[in-house]
Each structure stands twice: as structure tokens, then as C-alpha cells.
Amino acid sequence: MRTTDELLERGVPHLRGTHTVEDLKQAIVDGEVQLWRGRDSILITEVSVYPRMRVCRIVLAVGDMAELVDEVEPTVCAWARENQCSRVEITGRRGWQRVLQEYTQPHLTLSKELESDHG
């Protein structure tokens, strides 16, 4: 069984600079995000509140794919429903489409790195 720190270290590079391991650990402590732990996986969620909807957004998922899909994700969905979320969203690599077949792709997230004007 990998430790939470090991899984965070493995997953943070996929966030492409938005968070460090320390950022995520602090956000967990502060209650800004939720940590979901399997035997060999972790999933981190945050709740986004829009004017007409609460959405549970999967920020990071790392570890054993079968465990994430079969055990952790259903628990997250149940929690999200209990917390008045109308939707669960994930932004991730295309491989998630193959295993999260109940999810649709209404949008595509693209990103472009911008050079700083400050140097």
C-alpha cells in the first residue's frame, strides 16, 4: 500500500503547476478540498458553487484505476449527492473516458501557457 504522500507526489505533476504536494495537503487540512483514500489510490475533490448548481469536481485521481473506478468514485458520487451537488466533473487525460463510461464530454479543456510580462 502506497502512502498518501507517495500518491500525491506521483499525481501532482499531472496538475501542471497549479498545486504542489504542500498546497494540496494544506487545502485538505483547511477543508477546501476532500481527500478520498483507497488501499492503493487517492482522489481529491472540491465543491464548486455556481449560481444555479453545486458541482463536485475531481481535482486529482492517482493510483489503482480499478479501485478508483469501482470503489472510490461511487463513494464520491454518494457524498456529492448528500452534499447537494448536481454533478460530478473531472478534467483529466483521455484515458478517463474509457473507464468512466457514465460520464459525458460536453466540453473539451484546452490550455495554453502564457509568457509572463514580468520577465
N, C-alpha and C. Protein backbone atom coordinates (compact mmCIF):
# COMPACT_ATOMS: atom_id res chain seq x y z
N MET A 1 0.85 -1.19 0.00
CA MET A 1 0.00 0.00 0.00
C MET A 1 0.89 1.24 0.00
N ARG A 2 0.66 2.12 -0.95
CA ARG A 2 1.42 3.37 -1.02
C ARG A 2 0.84 4.37 -0.04
N THR A 3 1.70 5.24 0.45
CA THR A 3 1.24 6.27 1.37
C THR A 3 0.56 7.38 0.59
N THR A 4 -0.22 8.18 1.30
CA THR A 4 -0.88 9.33 0.67
C THR A 4 0.17 10.26 0.08
N ASP A 5 1.25 10.51 0.81
CA ASP A 5 2.31 11.39 0.30
C ASP A 5 2.90 10.85 -1.00
N GLU A 6 3.14 9.53 -1.07
CA GLU A 6 3.68 8.95 -2.29
C GLU A 6 2.73 9.14 -3.47
N LEU A 7 1.44 8.94 -3.22
CA LEU A 7 0.46 9.11 -4.29
C LEU A 7 0.33 10.57 -4.71
N LEU A 8 0.38 11.48 -3.74
CA LEU A 8 0.35 12.90 -4.07
C LEU A 8 1.55 13.28 -4.93
N GLU A 9 2.73 12.82 -4.54
CA GLU A 9 3.95 13.10 -5.31
C GLU A 9 3.81 12.59 -6.74
N ARG A 10 3.20 11.44 -6.89
CA ARG A 10 3.02 10.86 -8.22
C ARG A 10 2.00 11.64 -9.04
N GLY A 11 0.99 12.20 -8.39
CA GLY A 11 -0.09 12.87 -9.12
C GLY A 11 0.12 14.33 -9.41
N VAL A 12 0.85 15.03 -8.56
CA VAL A 12 1.00 16.48 -8.70
C VAL A 12 1.55 16.92 -10.06
N PRO A 13 2.49 16.20 -10.67
CA PRO A 13 2.96 16.64 -12.00
C PRO A 13 1.83 16.73 -13.04
N HIS A 14 0.78 15.93 -12.89
CA HIS A 14 -0.34 15.98 -13.83
C HIS A 14 -1.18 17.24 -13.66
N LEU A 15 -0.99 17.95 -12.56
CA LEU A 15 -1.71 19.20 -12.34
C LEU A 15 -1.04 20.37 -13.05
N ARG A 16 0.13 20.11 -13.60
CA ARG A 16 0.83 21.07 -14.47
C ARG A 16 1.08 22.42 -13.81
N GLY A 17 1.55 22.38 -12.57
CA GLY A 17 1.98 23.60 -11.91
C GLY A 17 0.94 24.34 -11.09
N THR A 18 -0.30 23.85 -11.06
CA THR A 18 -1.33 24.56 -10.30
C THR A 18 -1.22 24.35 -8.81
N HIS A 19 -0.66 23.22 -8.39
CA HIS A 19 -0.55 22.88 -6.96
C HIS A 19 0.75 22.13 -6.72
N THR A 20 1.24 22.27 -5.51
CA THR A 20 2.32 21.41 -5.03
C THR A 20 1.70 20.41 -4.06
N VAL A 21 2.48 19.43 -3.64
CA VAL A 21 2.01 18.49 -2.62
C VAL A 21 1.63 19.26 -1.37
N GLU A 22 2.45 20.24 -0.99
CA GLU A 22 2.18 21.02 0.22
C GLU A 22 0.88 21.81 0.08
N ASP A 23 0.63 22.37 -1.11
CA ASP A 23 -0.62 23.10 -1.35
C ASP A 23 -1.82 22.19 -1.11
N LEU A 24 -1.76 20.98 -1.67
CA LEU A 24 -2.89 20.05 -1.53
C LEU A 24 -3.07 19.62 -0.09
N LYS A 25 -1.96 19.33 0.60
CA LYS A 25 -2.07 18.92 2.00
C LYS A 25 -2.69 20.04 2.85
N GLN A 26 -2.31 21.28 2.59
CA GLN A 26 -2.88 22.40 3.34
C GLN A 26 -4.36 22.57 3.01
N ALA A 27 -4.72 22.42 1.74
CA ALA A 27 -6.12 22.54 1.34
C ALA A 27 -6.98 21.46 2.00
N ILE A 28 -6.40 20.27 2.16
CA ILE A 28 -7.11 19.18 2.86
C ILE A 28 -7.32 19.57 4.32
N VAL A 29 -6.26 20.02 4.97
CA VAL A 29 -6.35 20.43 6.38
C VAL A 29 -7.35 21.56 6.56
N ASP A 30 -7.35 22.52 5.63
CA ASP A 30 -8.24 23.67 5.71
C ASP A 30 -9.68 23.36 5.30
N GLY A 31 -9.93 22.15 4.81
CA GLY A 31 -11.27 21.76 4.39
C GLY A 31 -11.69 22.33 3.04
N GLU A 32 -10.73 22.84 2.28
CA GLU A 32 -11.04 23.40 0.96
C GLU A 32 -11.26 22.31 -0.08
N VAL A 33 -10.63 21.16 0.11
CA VAL A 33 -10.79 20.00 -0.76
C VAL A 33 -11.03 18.78 0.12
N GLN A 34 -11.49 17.71 -0.51
CA GLN A 34 -11.75 16.48 0.22
C GLN A 34 -10.80 15.40 -0.30
N LEU A 35 -10.23 14.64 0.61
CA LEU A 35 -9.33 13.53 0.27
C LEU A 35 -10.10 12.23 0.41
N TRP A 36 -10.09 11.42 -0.63
CA TRP A 36 -10.72 10.11 -0.64
C TRP A 36 -9.61 9.09 -0.81
N ARG A 37 -9.50 8.17 0.12
CA ARG A 37 -8.38 7.24 0.15
C ARG A 37 -8.87 5.81 -0.07
N GLY A 38 -8.27 5.13 -1.04
CA GLY A 38 -8.46 3.71 -1.21
C GLY A 38 -7.24 3.00 -0.65
N ARG A 39 -7.16 1.71 -0.87
CA ARG A 39 -5.98 0.97 -0.40
C ARG A 39 -4.72 1.42 -1.15
N ASP A 40 -4.87 1.61 -2.47
CA ASP A 40 -3.71 1.99 -3.27
C ASP A 40 -4.05 3.11 -4.25
N SER A 41 -4.88 4.04 -3.78
CA SER A 41 -5.26 5.16 -4.63
C SER A 41 -5.77 6.32 -3.77
N ILE A 42 -5.75 7.49 -4.36
CA ILE A 42 -6.36 8.66 -3.73
C ILE A 42 -7.12 9.45 -4.79
N LEU A 43 -8.11 10.15 -4.31
CA LEU A 43 -8.88 11.03 -5.17
C LEU A 43 -9.11 12.30 -4.36
N ILE A 44 -8.94 13.46 -4.98
CA ILE A 44 -9.17 14.72 -4.30
C ILE A 44 -10.28 15.45 -5.05
N THR A 45 -11.26 15.95 -4.28
CA THR A 45 -12.38 16.67 -4.88
C THR A 45 -12.48 18.06 -4.26
N GLU A 46 -13.19 18.93 -4.97
CA GLU A 46 -13.57 20.22 -4.43
C GLU A 46 -14.99 20.51 -4.89
N VAL A 47 -15.72 21.27 -4.10
CA VAL A 47 -17.07 21.64 -4.47
C VAL A 47 -17.04 23.04 -5.05
N SER A 48 -17.56 23.18 -6.27
CA SER A 48 -17.70 24.49 -6.91
C SER A 48 -19.17 24.88 -6.83
N VAL A 49 -19.40 26.10 -6.36
CA VAL A 49 -20.77 26.59 -6.22
C VAL A 49 -21.01 27.66 -7.27
N TYR A 50 -21.95 27.36 -8.16
CA TYR A 50 -22.36 28.28 -9.20
C TYR A 50 -23.72 28.87 -8.82
N PRO A 51 -24.16 29.91 -9.49
CA PRO A 51 -25.46 30.50 -9.12
C PRO A 51 -26.62 29.50 -9.13
N ARG A 52 -26.57 28.49 -9.98
CA ARG A 52 -27.71 27.57 -10.09
C ARG A 52 -27.36 26.11 -9.82
N MET A 53 -26.16 25.85 -9.36
CA MET A 53 -25.76 24.45 -9.19
C MET A 53 -24.52 24.32 -8.33
N ARG A 54 -24.48 23.24 -7.57
CA ARG A 54 -23.27 22.82 -6.86
C ARG A 54 -22.68 21.64 -7.62
N VAL A 55 -21.38 21.68 -7.85
CA VAL A 55 -20.70 20.64 -8.62
C VAL A 55 -19.53 20.11 -7.80
N CYS A 56 -19.42 18.80 -7.74
CA CYS A 56 -18.26 18.16 -7.13
C CYS A 56 -17.27 17.89 -8.25
N ARG A 57 -16.12 18.52 -8.15
CA ARG A 57 -15.10 18.43 -9.20
C ARG A 57 -13.94 17.57 -8.72
N ILE A 58 -13.61 16.56 -9.48
CA ILE A 58 -12.45 15.73 -9.16
C ILE A 58 -11.20 16.48 -9.63
N VAL A 59 -10.37 16.83 -8.68
CA VAL A 59 -9.17 17.60 -8.95
C VAL A 59 -8.01 16.69 -9.32
N LEU A 60 -7.91 15.56 -8.63
CA LEU A 60 -6.78 14.65 -8.82
C LEU A 60 -7.22 13.24 -8.49
N ALA A 61 -6.83 12.29 -9.33
CA ALA A 61 -7.07 10.87 -9.09
C ALA A 61 -5.80 10.13 -9.43
N VAL A 62 -5.28 9.38 -8.46
CA VAL A 62 -3.99 8.72 -8.64
C VAL A 62 -4.06 7.34 -8.02
N GLY A 63 -3.47 6.37 -8.71
CA GLY A 63 -3.34 5.05 -8.12
C GLY A 63 -4.00 3.98 -8.95
N ASP A 64 -4.46 2.94 -8.27
CA ASP A 64 -5.05 1.78 -8.92
C ASP A 64 -6.36 2.17 -9.60
N MET A 65 -6.38 2.10 -10.93
CA MET A 65 -7.53 2.55 -11.72
C MET A 65 -8.80 1.78 -11.36
N ALA A 66 -8.71 0.46 -11.24
CA ALA A 66 -9.91 -0.33 -10.92
C ALA A 66 -10.47 0.09 -9.56
N GLU A 67 -9.60 0.30 -8.60
CA GLU A 67 -10.06 0.73 -7.28
C GLU A 67 -10.71 2.11 -7.35
N LEU A 68 -10.09 3.03 -8.10
CA LEU A 68 -10.66 4.37 -8.24
C LEU A 68 -12.05 4.32 -8.84
N VAL A 69 -12.21 3.54 -9.90
CA VAL A 69 -13.48 3.49 -10.63
C VAL A 69 -14.52 2.66 -9.89
N ASP A 70 -14.14 1.52 -9.35
CA ASP A 70 -15.10 0.60 -8.75
C ASP A 70 -15.45 0.92 -7.30
N GLU A 71 -14.53 1.54 -6.57
CA GLU A 71 -14.76 1.75 -5.14
C GLU A 71 -14.80 3.23 -4.74
N VAL A 72 -13.80 4.00 -5.15
CA VAL A 72 -13.69 5.38 -4.67
C VAL A 72 -14.72 6.29 -5.35
N GLU A 73 -14.82 6.23 -6.67
CA GLU A 73 -15.73 7.12 -7.40
C GLU A 73 -17.19 6.95 -6.96
N PRO A 74 -17.70 5.73 -6.76
CA PRO A 74 -19.08 5.61 -6.27
C PRO A 74 -19.28 6.24 -4.88
N THR A 75 -18.29 6.15 -4.04
CA THR A 75 -18.35 6.78 -2.71
C THR A 75 -18.40 8.30 -2.85
N VAL A 76 -17.59 8.83 -3.76
CA VAL A 76 -17.59 10.27 -4.02
C VAL A 76 -18.95 10.71 -4.54
N CYS A 77 -19.52 9.97 -5.46
CA CYS A 77 -20.83 10.32 -6.01
C CYS A 77 -21.90 10.32 -4.92
N ALA A 78 -21.89 9.34 -4.06
CA ALA A 78 -22.86 9.30 -2.96
C ALA A 78 -22.68 10.51 -2.05
N TRP A 79 -21.44 10.84 -1.71
CA TRP A 79 -21.16 12.01 -0.87
C TRP A 79 -21.62 13.29 -1.56
N ALA A 80 -21.36 13.38 -2.86
CA ALA A 80 -21.74 14.58 -3.61
C ALA A 80 -23.26 14.76 -3.58
N ARG A 81 -24.01 13.67 -3.79
CA ARG A 81 -25.47 13.77 -3.72
C ARG A 81 -25.92 14.22 -2.33
N GLU A 82 -25.32 13.66 -1.29
CA GLU A 82 -25.67 14.03 0.09
C GLU A 82 -25.35 15.49 0.38
N ASN A 83 -24.41 16.05 -0.36
CA ASN A 83 -24.00 17.44 -0.17
C ASN A 83 -24.56 18.37 -1.24
N GLN A 84 -25.71 17.99 -1.77
CA GLN A 84 -26.49 18.80 -2.72
C GLN A 84 -25.75 19.15 -4.01
N CYS A 85 -24.81 18.32 -4.41
CA CYS A 85 -24.16 18.53 -5.70
C CYS A 85 -25.02 17.88 -6.78
N SER A 86 -25.17 18.56 -7.89
CA SER A 86 -25.97 18.05 -9.00
C SER A 86 -25.13 17.32 -10.04
N ARG A 87 -23.82 17.45 -9.93
CA ARG A 87 -22.95 16.89 -10.96
C ARG A 87 -21.58 16.58 -10.36
N VAL A 88 -20.92 15.59 -10.94
CA VAL A 88 -19.52 15.32 -10.66
C VAL A 88 -18.77 15.53 -11.96
N GLU A 89 -17.69 16.29 -11.92
CA GLU A 89 -16.89 16.59 -13.11
C GLU A 89 -15.45 16.19 -12.87
N ILE A 90 -14.78 15.86 -13.95
CA ILE A 90 -13.35 15.57 -13.88
C ILE A 90 -12.70 16.13 -15.14
N THR A 91 -11.58 16.79 -14.97
CA THR A 91 -10.73 17.18 -16.08
C THR A 91 -9.51 16.29 -15.99
N GLY A 92 -9.26 15.56 -17.03
CA GLY A 92 -8.14 14.63 -16.97
C GLY A 92 -7.73 14.17 -18.34
N ARG A 93 -6.86 13.21 -18.34
CA ARG A 93 -6.36 12.66 -19.60
C ARG A 93 -7.46 11.84 -20.26
N ARG A 94 -7.32 11.67 -21.57
CA ARG A 94 -8.34 10.98 -22.36
C ARG A 94 -8.64 9.56 -21.85
N GLY A 95 -7.71 8.92 -21.21
CA GLY A 95 -7.92 7.57 -20.71
C GLY A 95 -9.10 7.45 -19.76
N TRP A 96 -9.45 8.55 -19.10
CA TRP A 96 -10.59 8.52 -18.18
C TRP A 96 -11.88 8.25 -18.94
N GLN A 97 -11.99 8.67 -20.17
CA GLN A 97 -13.21 8.42 -20.96
C GLN A 97 -13.50 6.93 -21.10
N ARG A 98 -12.47 6.14 -21.22
CA ARG A 98 -12.65 4.70 -21.38
C ARG A 98 -13.20 4.04 -20.13
N VAL A 99 -12.82 4.53 -18.96
CA VAL A 99 -13.22 3.86 -17.73
C VAL A 99 -14.40 4.52 -17.03
N LEU A 100 -14.67 5.77 -17.31
CA LEU A 100 -15.82 6.47 -16.72
C LEU A 100 -16.90 6.62 -17.78
N GLN A 101 -17.46 5.50 -18.17
CA GLN A 101 -18.37 5.48 -19.31
C GLN A 101 -19.71 6.14 -19.03
N GLU A 102 -20.07 6.35 -17.77
CA GLU A 102 -21.31 7.05 -17.45
C GLU A 102 -21.14 8.57 -17.57
N TYR A 103 -19.92 9.04 -17.74
CA TYR A 103 -19.64 10.46 -17.86
C TYR A 103 -19.71 10.85 -19.33
N THR A 104 -20.16 12.07 -19.60
CA THR A 104 -20.17 12.59 -20.96
C THR A 104 -19.09 13.65 -21.10
N GLN A 105 -18.79 14.01 -22.32
CA GLN A 105 -17.79 15.04 -22.58
C GLN A 105 -18.48 16.23 -23.23
N PRO A 106 -19.14 17.08 -22.42
CA PRO A 106 -19.84 18.22 -23.00
C PRO A 106 -18.88 19.30 -23.49
N HIS A 107 -17.68 19.32 -22.94
CA HIS A 107 -16.69 20.33 -23.31
C HIS A 107 -15.33 19.67 -23.35
N LEU A 108 -14.42 20.34 -23.96
CA LEU A 108 -13.03 19.91 -24.00
C LEU A 108 -12.21 21.00 -23.33
N THR A 109 -11.33 20.63 -22.44
CA THR A 109 -10.47 21.61 -21.79
C THR A 109 -9.15 21.66 -22.55
N LEU A 110 -8.82 22.82 -23.04
CA LEU A 110 -7.54 23.06 -23.70
C LEU A 110 -6.81 24.11 -22.89
N SER A 111 -5.50 24.07 -22.92
CA SER A 111 -4.75 25.10 -22.21
C SER A 111 -3.57 25.56 -23.03
N LYS A 112 -3.17 26.79 -22.81
CA LYS A 112 -2.01 27.38 -23.47
C LYS A 112 -1.21 28.10 -22.40
N GLU A 113 0.06 27.85 -22.35
CA GLU A 113 0.92 28.52 -21.39
C GLU A 113 1.23 29.92 -21.91
N LEU A 114 1.09 30.92 -21.07
CA LEU A 114 1.36 32.31 -21.44
C LEU A 114 2.67 32.77 -20.82
N GLU A 115 3.43 33.48 -21.59
CA GLU A 115 4.65 34.05 -21.06
C GLU A 115 4.32 35.22 -20.17
N SER A 116 5.06 35.39 -19.13
CA SER A 116 4.84 36.49 -18.21
C SER A 116 5.39 37.80 -18.79
N ASP A 117 4.66 38.88 -18.55
CA ASP A 117 5.14 40.20 -18.96
C ASP A 117 6.21 40.72 -18.01
N HIS A 118 6.42 39.97 -16.93
CA HIS A 118 7.31 40.45 -15.86
C HIS A 118 8.69 39.80 -15.92
N GLY A 119 9.13 39.43 -17.06
CA GLY A 119 10.46 38.98 -17.04
C GLY A 119 10.92 37.87 -17.79
